[in-house]
Amino acid sequence: MIKRYIQLKEDFLLYLKVNKGYSDHTLRNYRIDLEQFFAFLSSERQKKGQIQNRSNKDTITTKDIKAYIGHLYGRLKRTSISRRLSALRSFFLFLEKNGMISENPSCNISSPKLKKYLPNYMSVDEIFRVLENPDADTWLKQRNIAILELLYSCGLRVSELQSIDIKDIDFNQRLIKVTGKGNKQRILPVGRKAIDSVKGYLDASAEIRNRYSLHSATSPLFINKRGKRLSVRSIERITKQYAVKSGLTSEVSPHSFRHSFATHLLDGGADIRSVQELLGHASLSTTQRYTHVTLDRLMEVYDKAHPRK
């Protein structure tokens, strides 16, 4: 079934890679989302006994997409459903713009209504409790502290942290080059505490780096016991481990450090445009999610201090 669309999927993914500069991770998600949709559609058509060699059955309709979205309700969160619908919209828009289909079956389908999202963040005291950890007597523990310091010092996405090579850090100028979404690069300042933690970790891991011949500046910054680049999943596990160890909730993630970074800068009087640049947000509206804490604090001060509140 729908073999033509399955073949066109490869043209679409190539377009995203070459023209949009999407990362391998993002491309993999698009591929999975489209393939799961095609698998659902093929299964449904086989159940109904539709025959592939009928040319009019080799067309995807709005009804097909609505059936798929309905199938996902109750199985996935609304955010996941919205993401899959977004992938389908992008795919069919690509086909429409390139004259591969005459009508776009996804254009009149509404996204699921999402709950308002408020970022999970930690207070300054909680951050300090996690970072001021004296237990760093092995190179692995020093690596873990360096990971947490960089996450908070620079407000990095976990994928950005995971992809850092040694050459990306200028220790003298205290700058770091990171590659964000769409392979866009930006240069960020790094705090002294974070720089010192990274230096200490590199010194402590010299033996294992020699063992695996990781002498080049292009070597990954954060490695595991086997000398391989540390995975995103491992970074997430380390973050939760240290949060729980410090008496915080297991809900703390690498993104919690990013949220805390942005919130604390805004609370300290940083300009929202500057925070946008530091976070690597394409849209200011994304950065504005972090202003809720500052506004809550202002309202608290107002309610306590204003004579005619």
C-alpha atoms as a PDB file:
ATOM      1  CA  MET A   1       0.000   0.000   0.000  1.00  0.00           C
ATOM      2  CA  ILE A   2       0.854   3.658  -0.527  1.00  0.00           C
ATOM      3  CA  LYS A   3       4.277   2.736  -1.921  1.00  0.00           C
ATOM      4  CA  ARG A   4       4.571   6.096  -3.685  1.00  0.00           C
ATOM      5  CA  TYR A   5       4.403   7.999  -0.394  1.00  0.00           C
ATOM      6  CA  ILE A   6       6.898   5.691   1.238  1.00  0.00           C
ATOM      7  CA  GLN A   7       9.367   6.392  -1.574  1.00  0.00           C
ATOM      8  CA  LEU A   8       8.729  10.155  -1.414  1.00  0.00           C
ATOM      9  CA  LYS A   9       9.523  10.023   2.292  1.00  0.00           C
ATOM     10  CA  GLU A  10      13.209   9.613   1.411  1.00  0.00           C
ATOM     11  CA  ASP A  11      13.119  12.749  -0.764  1.00  0.00           C
ATOM     12  CA  PHE A  12      11.549  14.628   2.142  1.00  0.00           C
ATOM     13  CA  LEU A  13      14.172  13.461   4.648  1.00  0.00           C
ATOM     14  CA  LEU A  14      16.960  14.396   2.242  1.00  0.00           C
ATOM     15  CA  TYR A  15      15.413  17.878   1.908  1.00  0.00           C
ATOM     16  CA  LEU A  16      15.355  18.283   5.704  1.00  0.00           C
ATOM     17  CA  LYS A  17      18.985  17.238   5.946  1.00  0.00           C
ATOM     18  CA  VAL A  18      20.398  19.314   3.070  1.00  0.00           C
ATOM     19  CA  ASN A  19      18.129  22.371   2.982  1.00  0.00           C
ATOM     20  CA  LYS A  20      17.087  22.652   6.624  1.00  0.00           C
ATOM     21  CA  GLY A  21      20.271  21.320   8.232  1.00  0.00           C
ATOM     22  CA  TYR A  22      18.360  19.103  10.648  1.00  0.00           C
ATOM     23  CA  SER A  23      20.396  16.912  12.993  1.00  0.00           C
ATOM     24  CA  ASP A  24      20.569  13.125  12.700  1.00  0.00           C
ATOM     25  CA  HIS A  25      18.498  12.867  15.874  1.00  0.00           C
ATOM     26  CA  THR A  26      15.700  15.030  14.424  1.00  0.00           C
ATOM     27  CA  LEU A  27      15.782  13.193  11.105  1.00  0.00           C
ATOM     28  CA  ARG A  28      15.499   9.878  12.911  1.00  0.00           C
ATOM     29  CA  ASN A  29      12.392  11.122  14.741  1.00  0.00           C
ATOM     30  CA  TYR A  30      10.795  12.276  11.472  1.00  0.00           C
ATOM     31  CA  ARG A  31      11.538   8.907   9.891  1.00  0.00           C
ATOM     32  CA  ILE A  32      10.018   6.990  12.811  1.00  0.00           C
ATOM     33  CA  ASP A  33       6.898   9.194  12.886  1.00  0.00           C
ATOM     34  CA  LEU A  34       6.266   8.771   9.153  1.00  0.00           C
ATOM     35  CA  GLU A  35       6.975   5.059   9.114  1.00  0.00           C
ATOM     36  CA  GLN A  36       4.575   4.450  11.996  1.00  0.00           C
ATOM     37  CA  PHE A  37       1.868   6.371  10.146  1.00  0.00           C
ATOM     38  CA  PHE A  38       2.428   4.351   6.973  1.00  0.00           C
ATOM     39  CA  ALA A  39       2.403   1.102   8.956  1.00  0.00           C
ATOM     40  CA  PHE A  40      -0.928   2.054  10.555  1.00  0.00           C
ATOM     41  CA  LEU A  41      -2.421   3.003   7.205  1.00  0.00           C
ATOM     42  CA  SER A  42      -1.279  -0.172   5.468  1.00  0.00           C
ATOM     43  CA  SER A  43      -2.679  -2.275   8.311  1.00  0.00           C
ATOM     44  CA  GLU A  44      -6.038  -0.497   8.189  1.00  0.00           C
ATOM     45  CA  ARG A  45      -6.345  -0.880   4.417  1.00  0.00           C
ATOM     46  CA  GLN A  46      -5.465  -4.542   4.560  1.00  0.00           C
ATOM     47  CA  LYS A  47      -8.202  -5.062   7.147  1.00  0.00           C
ATOM     48  CA  LYS A  48     -10.690  -3.467   4.760  1.00  0.00           C
ATOM     49  CA  GLY A  49      -9.503  -5.636   1.887  1.00  0.00           C
ATOM     50  CA  GLN A  50      -8.342  -2.786  -0.326  1.00  0.00           C
ATOM     51  CA  ILE A  51      -6.188  -3.896  -3.223  1.00  0.00           C
ATOM     52  CA  GLN A  52      -2.899  -2.136  -4.012  1.00  0.00           C
ATOM     53  CA  ASN A  53      -3.309  -2.259  -7.790  1.00  0.00           C
ATOM     54  CA  ARG A  54      -6.374  -0.033  -7.635  1.00  0.00           C
ATOM     55  CA  SER A  55      -4.765   3.319  -8.386  1.00  0.00           C
ATOM     56  CA  ASN A  56      -7.410   5.310  -6.512  1.00  0.00           C
ATOM     57  CA  LYS A  57      -6.489   3.492  -3.305  1.00  0.00           C
ATOM     58  CA  ASP A  58      -2.906   4.714  -3.467  1.00  0.00           C
ATOM     59  CA  THR A  59      -3.939   8.117  -2.116  1.00  0.00           C
ATOM     60  CA  ILE A  60      -3.817   9.402   1.445  1.00  0.00           C
ATOM     61  CA  THR A  61      -6.816  11.451   2.518  1.00  0.00           C
ATOM     62  CA  THR A  62      -7.773  13.716   5.403  1.00  0.00           C
ATOM     63  CA  LYS A  63      -9.936  10.859   6.684  1.00  0.00           C
ATOM     64  CA  ASP A  64      -6.842   8.621   6.856  1.00  0.00           C
ATOM     65  CA  ILE A  65      -4.932  11.138   8.967  1.00  0.00           C
ATOM     66  CA  LYS A  66      -7.889  11.721  11.292  1.00  0.00           C
ATOM     67  CA  ALA A  67      -8.213   7.969  11.783  1.00  0.00           C
ATOM     68  CA  TYR A  68      -4.534   7.780  12.702  1.00  0.00           C
ATOM     69  CA  ILE A  69      -4.783  10.665  15.173  1.00  0.00           C
ATOM     70  CA  GLY A  70      -7.847   9.029  16.709  1.00  0.00           C
ATOM     71  CA  HIS A  71      -5.908   5.771  17.000  1.00  0.00           C
ATOM     72  CA  LEU A  72      -3.157   7.586  18.965  1.00  0.00           C
ATOM     73  CA  TYR A  73      -5.521   9.107  21.556  1.00  0.00           C
ATOM     74  CA  GLY A  74      -5.356   7.132  24.760  1.00  0.00           C
ATOM     75  CA  ARG A  75      -2.046   5.591  23.716  1.00  0.00           C
ATOM     76  CA  LEU A  76       0.194   8.680  23.698  1.00  0.00           C
ATOM     77  CA  LYS A  77       0.370  12.031  25.469  1.00  0.00           C
ATOM     78  CA  ARG A  78      -1.076  14.989  23.615  1.00  0.00           C
ATOM     79  CA  THR A  79       2.386  16.463  23.148  1.00  0.00           C
ATOM     80  CA  SER A  80       3.495  13.278  21.362  1.00  0.00           C
ATOM     81  CA  ILE A  81       0.380  13.259  19.185  1.00  0.00           C
ATOM     82  CA  SER A  82       0.958  16.916  18.302  1.00  0.00           C
ATOM     83  CA  ARG A  83       4.566  16.140  17.317  1.00  0.00           C
ATOM     84  CA  ARG A  84       3.486  13.294  15.029  1.00  0.00           C
ATOM     85  CA  LEU A  85       0.854  15.459  13.397  1.00  0.00           C
ATOM     86  CA  SER A  86       3.486  18.158  12.891  1.00  0.00           C
ATOM     87  CA  ALA A  87       5.709  15.640  11.084  1.00  0.00           C
ATOM     88  CA  LEU A  88       2.824  14.680   8.786  1.00  0.00           C
ATOM     89  CA  ARG A  89       2.033  18.324   8.055  1.00  0.00           C
ATOM     90  CA  SER A  90       5.644  19.049   7.139  1.00  0.00           C
ATOM     91  CA  PHE A  91       5.761  15.987   4.893  1.00  0.00           C
ATOM     92  CA  PHE A  92       2.558  16.771   2.986  1.00  0.00           C
ATOM     93  CA  LEU A  93       3.441  20.471   2.712  1.00  0.00           C
ATOM     94  CA  PHE A  94       6.742  19.424   1.100  1.00  0.00           C
ATOM     95  CA  LEU A  95       4.861  17.206  -1.361  1.00  0.00           C
ATOM     96  CA  GLU A  96       2.359  19.954  -2.169  1.00  0.00           C
ATOM     97  CA  LYS A  97       5.003  22.657  -2.744  1.00  0.00           C
ATOM     98  CA  ASN A  98       6.930  20.369  -5.067  1.00  0.00           C
ATOM     99  CA  GLY A  99       3.860  19.415  -7.106  1.00  0.00           C
ATOM    100  CA  MET A 100       3.896  15.789  -5.979  1.00  0.00           C
ATOM    101  CA  ILE A 101       0.300  15.929  -4.722  1.00  0.00           C
ATOM    102  CA  SER A 102      -2.582  18.131  -5.831  1.00  0.00           C
ATOM    103  CA  GLU A 103      -4.235  18.495  -2.421  1.00  0.00           C
ATOM    104  CA  ASN A 104      -2.748  18.580   1.081  1.00  0.00           C
ATOM    105  CA  PRO A 105      -4.777  16.157   3.287  1.00  0.00           C
ATOM    106  CA  SER A 106      -3.311  17.539   6.525  1.00  0.00           C
ATOM    107  CA  CYS A 107      -4.031  21.250   6.131  1.00  0.00           C
ATOM    108  CA  ASN A 108      -7.435  21.305   7.874  1.00  0.00           C
ATOM    109  CA  ILE A 109      -6.616  19.053  10.822  1.00  0.00           C
ATOM    110  CA  SER A 110      -6.337  20.789  14.198  1.00  0.00           C
ATOM    111  CA  SER A 111      -3.639  19.953  16.714  1.00  0.00           C
ATOM    112  CA  PRO A 112      -4.620  18.560  20.126  1.00  0.00           C
ATOM    113  CA  LYS A 113      -5.126  21.268  22.731  1.00  0.00           C
ATOM    114  CA  LEU A 114      -2.045  21.232  24.949  1.00  0.00           C
ATOM    115  CA  LYS A 115      -1.803  22.120  28.603  1.00  0.00           C
ATOM    116  CA  LYS A 116       0.127  25.290  29.364  1.00  0.00           C
ATOM    117  CA  TYR A 117       3.720  24.296  29.939  1.00  0.00           C
ATOM    118  CA  LEU A 118       5.693  25.765  32.815  1.00  0.00           C
ATOM    119  CA  PRO A 119       9.360  24.793  32.929  1.00  0.00           C
ATOM    120  CA  ASN A 120      10.617  22.741  35.867  1.00  0.00           C
ATOM    121  CA  TYR A 121      13.375  24.675  37.610  1.00  0.00           C
ATOM    122  CA  MET A 122      15.402  24.687  40.816  1.00  0.00           C
ATOM    123  CA  SER A 123      16.046  27.513  43.242  1.00  0.00           C
ATOM    124  CA  VAL A 124      19.553  28.920  43.631  1.00  0.00           C
ATOM    125  CA  ASP A 125      19.913  27.118  46.967  1.00  0.00           C
ATOM    126  CA  GLU A 126      18.897  23.810  45.388  1.00  0.00           C
ATOM    127  CA  ILE A 127      21.383  24.276  42.557  1.00  0.00           C
ATOM    128  CA  PHE A 128      24.150  24.918  45.070  1.00  0.00           C
ATOM    129  CA  ARG A 129      23.188  21.806  47.026  1.00  0.00           C
ATOM    130  CA  VAL A 130      23.668  19.697  43.902  1.00  0.00           C
ATOM    131  CA  LEU A 131      26.866  21.370  42.707  1.00  0.00           C
ATOM    132  CA  GLU A 132      28.718  21.753  46.001  1.00  0.00           C
ATOM    133  CA  ASN A 133      29.295  18.031  46.294  1.00  0.00           C
ATOM    134  CA  PRO A 134      32.578  17.134  48.031  1.00  0.00           C
ATOM    135  CA  ASP A 135      32.461  13.519  46.872  1.00  0.00           C
ATOM    136  CA  ALA A 136      34.725  13.696  43.786  1.00  0.00           C
ATOM    137  CA  ASP A 137      37.492  11.207  44.561  1.00  0.00           C
ATOM    138  CA  THR A 138      37.436   9.422  41.175  1.00  0.00           C
ATOM    139  CA  TRP A 139      37.655  10.666  37.596  1.00  0.00           C
ATOM    140  CA  LEU A 140      34.070   9.500  36.984  1.00  0.00           C
ATOM    141  CA  LYS A 141      32.757  11.584  39.881  1.00  0.00           C
ATOM    142  CA  GLN A 142      34.775  14.575  38.711  1.00  0.00           C
ATOM    143  CA  ARG A 143      33.278  14.065  35.247  1.00  0.00           C
ATOM    144  CA  ASN A 144      29.781  14.068  36.717  1.00  0.00           C
ATOM    145  CA  ILE A 145      30.369  17.319  38.613  1.00  0.00           C
ATOM    146  CA  ALA A 146      31.809  18.909  35.452  1.00  0.00           C
ATOM    147  CA  ILE A 147      28.671  17.854  33.557  1.00  0.00           C
ATOM    148  CA  LEU A 148      26.383  19.494  36.102  1.00  0.00           C
ATOM    149  CA  GLU A 149      28.521  22.634  36.283  1.00  0.00           C
ATOM    150  CA  LEU A 150      28.452  23.100  32.490  1.00  0.00           C
ATOM    151  CA  LEU A 151      24.711  22.460  32.287  1.00  0.00           C
ATOM    152  CA  TYR A 152      24.025  25.238  34.773  1.00  0.00           C
ATOM    153  CA  SER A 153      26.836  27.603  33.758  1.00  0.00           C
ATOM    154  CA  CYS A 154      25.822  27.688  30.089  1.00  0.00           C
ATOM    155  CA  GLY A 155      22.168  26.614  30.021  1.00  0.00           C
ATOM    156  CA  LEU A 156      22.943  23.864  27.507  1.00  0.00           C
ATOM    157  CA  ARG A 157      20.570  21.383  25.969  1.00  0.00           C
ATOM    158  CA  VAL A 158      21.598  17.838  26.846  1.00  0.00           C
ATOM    159  CA  SER A 159      22.327  17.090  23.161  1.00  0.00           C
ATOM    160  CA  GLU A 160      24.597  20.150  23.005  1.00  0.00           C
ATOM    161  CA  LEU A 161      26.518  19.040  26.077  1.00  0.00           C
ATOM    162  CA  GLN A 162      26.845  15.479  24.816  1.00  0.00           C
ATOM    163  CA  SER A 163      28.350  16.558  21.474  1.00  0.00           C
ATOM    164  CA  ILE A 164      31.072  18.841  22.891  1.00  0.00           C
ATOM    165  CA  ASP A 165      34.669  18.037  21.913  1.00  0.00           C
ATOM    166  CA  ILE A 166      37.711  19.251  23.837  1.00  0.00           C
ATOM    167  CA  LYS A 167      38.568  21.658  21.010  1.00  0.00           C
ATOM    168  CA  ASP A 168      35.240  23.440  21.511  1.00  0.00           C
ATOM    169  CA  ILE A 169      36.401  24.967  24.810  1.00  0.00           C
ATOM    170  CA  ASP A 170      38.685  27.986  25.019  1.00  0.00           C
ATOM    171  CA  PHE A 171      39.985  27.681  28.568  1.00  0.00           C
ATOM    172  CA  ASN A 172      41.865  30.987  28.499  1.00  0.00           C
ATOM    173  CA  GLN A 173      38.949  33.084  27.297  1.00  0.00           C
ATOM    174  CA  ARG A 174      36.385  30.958  29.159  1.00  0.00           C
ATOM    175  CA  LEU A 175      34.292  30.400  26.039  1.00  0.00           C
ATOM    176  CA  ILE A 176      32.607  27.330  24.602  1.00  0.00           C
ATOM    177  CA  LYS A 177      31.279  26.600  21.119  1.00  0.00           C
ATOM    178  CA  VAL A 178      28.090  24.533  21.038  1.00  0.00           C
ATOM    179  CA  THR A 179      26.034  23.152  18.178  1.00  0.00           C
ATOM    180  CA  GLY A 180      22.302  23.556  18.701  1.00  0.00           C
ATOM    181  CA  LYS A 181      19.170  22.740  16.756  1.00  0.00           C
ATOM    182  CA  GLY A 182      19.533  22.816  12.988  1.00  0.00           C
ATOM    183  CA  ASN A 183      23.326  22.542  13.422  1.00  0.00           C
ATOM    184  CA  LYS A 184      23.424  26.224  14.374  1.00  0.00           C
ATOM    185  CA  GLN A 185      26.533  27.099  16.362  1.00  0.00           C
ATOM    186  CA  ARG A 186      26.896  29.726  19.065  1.00  0.00           C
ATOM    187  CA  ILE A 187      29.679  30.870  21.378  1.00  0.00           C
ATOM    188  CA  LEU A 188      28.882  31.047  25.093  1.00  0.00           C
ATOM    189  CA  PRO A 189      30.720  32.349  28.162  1.00  0.00           C
ATOM    190  CA  VAL A 190      31.587  29.785  30.834  1.00  0.00           C
ATOM    191  CA  GLY A 191      31.786  30.463  34.560  1.00  0.00           C
ATOM    192  CA  ARG A 192      35.056  29.996  36.440  1.00  0.00           C
ATOM    193  CA  LYS A 193      33.606  27.205  38.585  1.00  0.00           C
ATOM    194  CA  ALA A 194      32.604  25.257  35.490  1.00  0.00           C
ATOM    195  CA  ILE A 195      35.953  25.811  33.754  1.00  0.00           C
ATOM    196  CA  ASP A 196      37.831  24.660  36.851  1.00  0.00           C
ATOM    197  CA  SER A 197      35.614  21.565  37.101  1.00  0.00           C
ATOM    198  CA  VAL A 198      36.277  20.650  33.469  1.00  0.00           C
ATOM    199  CA  LYS A 199      40.023  21.157  33.924  1.00  0.00           C
ATOM    200  CA  GLY A 200      40.005  18.967  37.031  1.00  0.00           C
ATOM    201  CA  TYR A 201      38.048  16.269  35.214  1.00  0.00           C
ATOM    202  CA  LEU A 202      40.425  16.294  32.213  1.00  0.00           C
ATOM    203  CA  ASP A 203      43.437  15.984  34.503  1.00  0.00           C
ATOM    204  CA  ALA A 204      41.817  13.136  36.429  1.00  0.00           C
ATOM    205  CA  SER A 205      40.824  11.276  33.240  1.00  0.00           C
ATOM    206  CA  ALA A 206      44.292  11.519  31.627  1.00  0.00           C
ATOM    207  CA  GLU A 207      45.078   7.866  32.319  1.00  0.00           C
ATOM    208  CA  ILE A 208      41.969   6.467  30.663  1.00  0.00           C
ATOM    209  CA  ARG A 209      42.342   8.882  27.738  1.00  0.00           C
ATOM    210  CA  ASN A 210      45.879   7.577  27.210  1.00  0.00           C
ATOM    211  CA  ARG A 211      44.594   4.027  27.400  1.00  0.00           C
ATOM    212  CA  TYR A 212      42.151   4.663  24.534  1.00  0.00           C
ATOM    213  CA  SER A 213      44.468   7.054  22.613  1.00  0.00           C
ATOM    214  CA  LEU A 214      42.164  10.033  23.110  1.00  0.00           C
ATOM    215  CA  HIS A 215      44.939  12.578  22.671  1.00  0.00           C
ATOM    216  CA  SER A 216      43.410  14.682  19.899  1.00  0.00           C
ATOM    217  CA  ALA A 217      41.579  17.921  20.620  1.00  0.00           C
ATOM    218  CA  THR A 218      38.762  16.482  18.507  1.00  0.00           C
ATOM    219  CA  SER A 219      38.192  13.800  21.146  1.00  0.00           C
ATOM    220  CA  PRO A 220      34.840  13.939  22.981  1.00  0.00           C
ATOM    221  CA  LEU A 221      34.888  15.922  26.197  1.00  0.00           C
ATOM    222  CA  PHE A 222      32.705  13.584  28.226  1.00  0.00           C
ATOM    223  CA  ILE A 223      33.499   9.874  27.948  1.00  0.00           C
ATOM    224  CA  ASN A 224      32.496   6.642  29.659  1.00  0.00           C
ATOM    225  CA  LYS A 225      34.647   3.868  31.128  1.00  0.00           C
ATOM    226  CA  ARG A 226      35.266   2.443  27.651  1.00  0.00           C
ATOM    227  CA  GLY A 227      36.562   5.710  26.261  1.00  0.00           C
ATOM    228  CA  LYS A 228      33.419   6.316  24.183  1.00  0.00           C
ATOM    229  CA  ARG A 229      31.400   9.511  24.036  1.00  0.00           C
ATOM    230  CA  LEU A 230      28.926   9.603  26.895  1.00  0.00           C
ATOM    231  CA  SER A 231      25.322   9.065  25.750  1.00  0.00           C
ATOM    232  CA  VAL A 232      22.398  11.417  26.335  1.00  0.00           C
ATOM    233  CA  ARG A 233      20.701   8.719  28.396  1.00  0.00           C
ATOM    234  CA  SER A 234      23.750   8.437  30.662  1.00  0.00           C
ATOM    235  CA  ILE A 235      23.824  12.210  31.211  1.00  0.00           C
ATOM    236  CA  GLU A 236      20.138  12.123  32.158  1.00  0.00           C
ATOM    237  CA  ARG A 237      20.783   9.265  34.594  1.00  0.00           C
ATOM    238  CA  ILE A 238      23.702  11.138  36.212  1.00  0.00           C
ATOM    239  CA  THR A 239      21.583  14.266  36.619  1.00  0.00           C
ATOM    240  CA  LYS A 240      18.776  12.396  38.374  1.00  0.00           C
ATOM    241  CA  GLN A 241      21.257  10.511  40.547  1.00  0.00           C
ATOM    242  CA  TYR A 242      22.864  13.687  41.884  1.00  0.00           C
ATOM    243  CA  ALA A 243      19.516  15.436  42.336  1.00  0.00           C
ATOM    244  CA  VAL A 244      18.153  12.605  44.469  1.00  0.00           C
ATOM    245  CA  LYS A 245      21.440  12.405  46.385  1.00  0.00           C
ATOM    246  CA  SER A 246      21.017  16.106  47.225  1.00  0.00           C
ATOM    247  CA  GLY A 247      17.495  15.568  48.531  1.00  0.00           C
ATOM    248  CA  LEU A 248      15.667  16.802  45.424  1.00  0.00           C
ATOM    249  CA  THR A 249      13.008  15.093  43.336  1.00  0.00           C
ATOM    250  CA  SER A 250      13.853  12.483  40.709  1.00  0.00           C
ATOM    251  CA  GLU A 251      11.963  14.694  38.240  1.00  0.00           C
ATOM    252  CA  VAL A 252      15.118  16.823  37.906  1.00  0.00           C
ATOM    253  CA  SER A 253      16.616  16.449  34.421  1.00  0.00           C
ATOM    254  CA  PRO A 254      19.338  18.149  32.354  1.00  0.00           C
ATOM    255  CA  HIS A 255      16.617  20.491  31.106  1.00  0.00           C
ATOM    256  CA  SER A 256      15.913  21.494  34.716  1.00  0.00           C
ATOM    257  CA  PHE A 257      19.399  22.998  34.826  1.00  0.00           C
ATOM    258  CA  ARG A 258      18.713  24.856  31.568  1.00  0.00           C
ATOM    259  CA  HIS A 259      15.424  26.176  32.945  1.00  0.00           C
ATOM    260  CA  SER A 260      17.120  27.203  36.175  1.00  0.00           C
ATOM    261  CA  PHE A 261      19.890  28.977  34.251  1.00  0.00           C
ATOM    262  CA  ALA A 262      17.351  31.077  32.339  1.00  0.00           C
ATOM    263  CA  THR A 263      15.156  31.777  35.357  1.00  0.00           C
ATOM    264  CA  HIS A 264      18.039  32.863  37.563  1.00  0.00           C
ATOM    265  CA  LEU A 265      19.428  35.180  34.878  1.00  0.00           C
ATOM    266  CA  LEU A 266      16.035  36.845  34.433  1.00  0.00           C
ATOM    267  CA  ASP A 267      15.579  37.117  38.201  1.00  0.00           C
ATOM    268  CA  GLY A 268      18.981  38.795  38.336  1.00  0.00           C
ATOM    269  CA  GLY A 269      17.904  41.452  35.861  1.00  0.00           C
ATOM    270  CA  ALA A 270      19.240  40.002  32.592  1.00  0.00           C
ATOM    271  CA  ASP A 271      17.682  41.271  29.383  1.00  0.00           C
ATOM    272  CA  ILE A 272      15.352  38.696  27.842  1.00  0.00           C
ATOM    273  CA  ARG A 273      16.941  39.157  24.401  1.00  0.00           C
ATOM    274  CA  SER A 274      20.339  38.291  25.849  1.00  0.00           C
ATOM    275  CA  VAL A 275      18.895  35.195  27.507  1.00  0.00           C
ATOM    276  CA  GLN A 276      17.360  34.248  24.165  1.00  0.00           C
ATOM    277  CA  GLU A 277      20.791  34.392  22.523  1.00  0.00           C
ATOM    278  CA  LEU A 278      22.400  32.372  25.310  1.00  0.00           C
ATOM    279  CA  LEU A 279      19.753  29.655  25.090  1.00  0.00           C
ATOM    280  CA  GLY A 280      19.874  29.537  21.299  1.00  0.00           C
ATOM    281  CA  HIS A 281      16.133  30.079  20.892  1.00  0.00           C
ATOM    282  CA  ALA A 282      15.003  31.025  17.397  1.00  0.00           C
ATOM    283  CA  SER A 283      11.874  32.686  18.773  1.00  0.00           C
ATOM    284  CA  LEU A 284      11.576  35.130  21.664  1.00  0.00           C
ATOM    285  CA  SER A 285       8.216  33.570  22.596  1.00  0.00           C
ATOM    286  CA  THR A 286      10.049  30.392  23.597  1.00  0.00           C
ATOM    287  CA  THR A 287      12.274  32.334  25.984  1.00  0.00           C
ATOM    288  CA  GLN A 288       9.274  34.155  27.462  1.00  0.00           C
ATOM    289  CA  ARG A 289       8.133  30.914  29.095  1.00  0.00           C
ATOM    290  CA  TYR A 290      10.838  31.507  31.689  1.00  0.00           C
ATOM    291  CA  THR A 291       9.476  34.858  32.813  1.00  0.00           C
ATOM    292  CA  HIS A 292       6.709  33.253  34.892  1.00  0.00           C
ATOM    293  CA  VAL A 293       8.923  32.967  37.952  1.00  0.00           C
ATOM    294  CA  THR A 294      10.028  36.578  37.786  1.00  0.00           C
ATOM    295  CA  LEU A 295       6.410  37.705  37.415  1.00  0.00           C
ATOM    296  CA  ASP A 296       5.294  35.518  40.321  1.00  0.00           C
ATOM    297  CA  ARG A 297       7.974  37.062  42.503  1.00  0.00           C
ATOM    298  CA  LEU A 298       7.027  40.586  41.441  1.00  0.00           C
ATOM    299  CA  MET A 299       3.377  39.908  42.284  1.00  0.00           C
ATOM    300  CA  GLU A 300       4.377  38.615  45.714  1.00  0.00           C
ATOM    301  CA  VAL A 301       6.406  41.774  46.398  1.00  0.00           C
ATOM    302  CA  TYR A 302       3.560  43.928  45.077  1.00  0.00           C
ATOM    303  CA  ASP A 303       0.955  42.250  47.274  1.00  0.00           C
ATOM    304  CA  LYS A 304       3.126  42.688  50.375  1.00  0.00           C
ATOM    305  CA  ALA A 305       4.307  46.243  49.770  1.00  0.00           C
ATOM    306  CA  HIS A 306       1.771  48.246  47.773  1.00  0.00           C
ATOM    307  CA  PRO A 307      -0.575  50.361  49.944  1.00  0.00           C
ATOM    308  CA  ARG A 308      -3.507  49.908  47.558  1.00  0.00           C
ATOM    309  CA  LYS A 309      -3.011  46.368  46.340  1.00  0.00           C
END
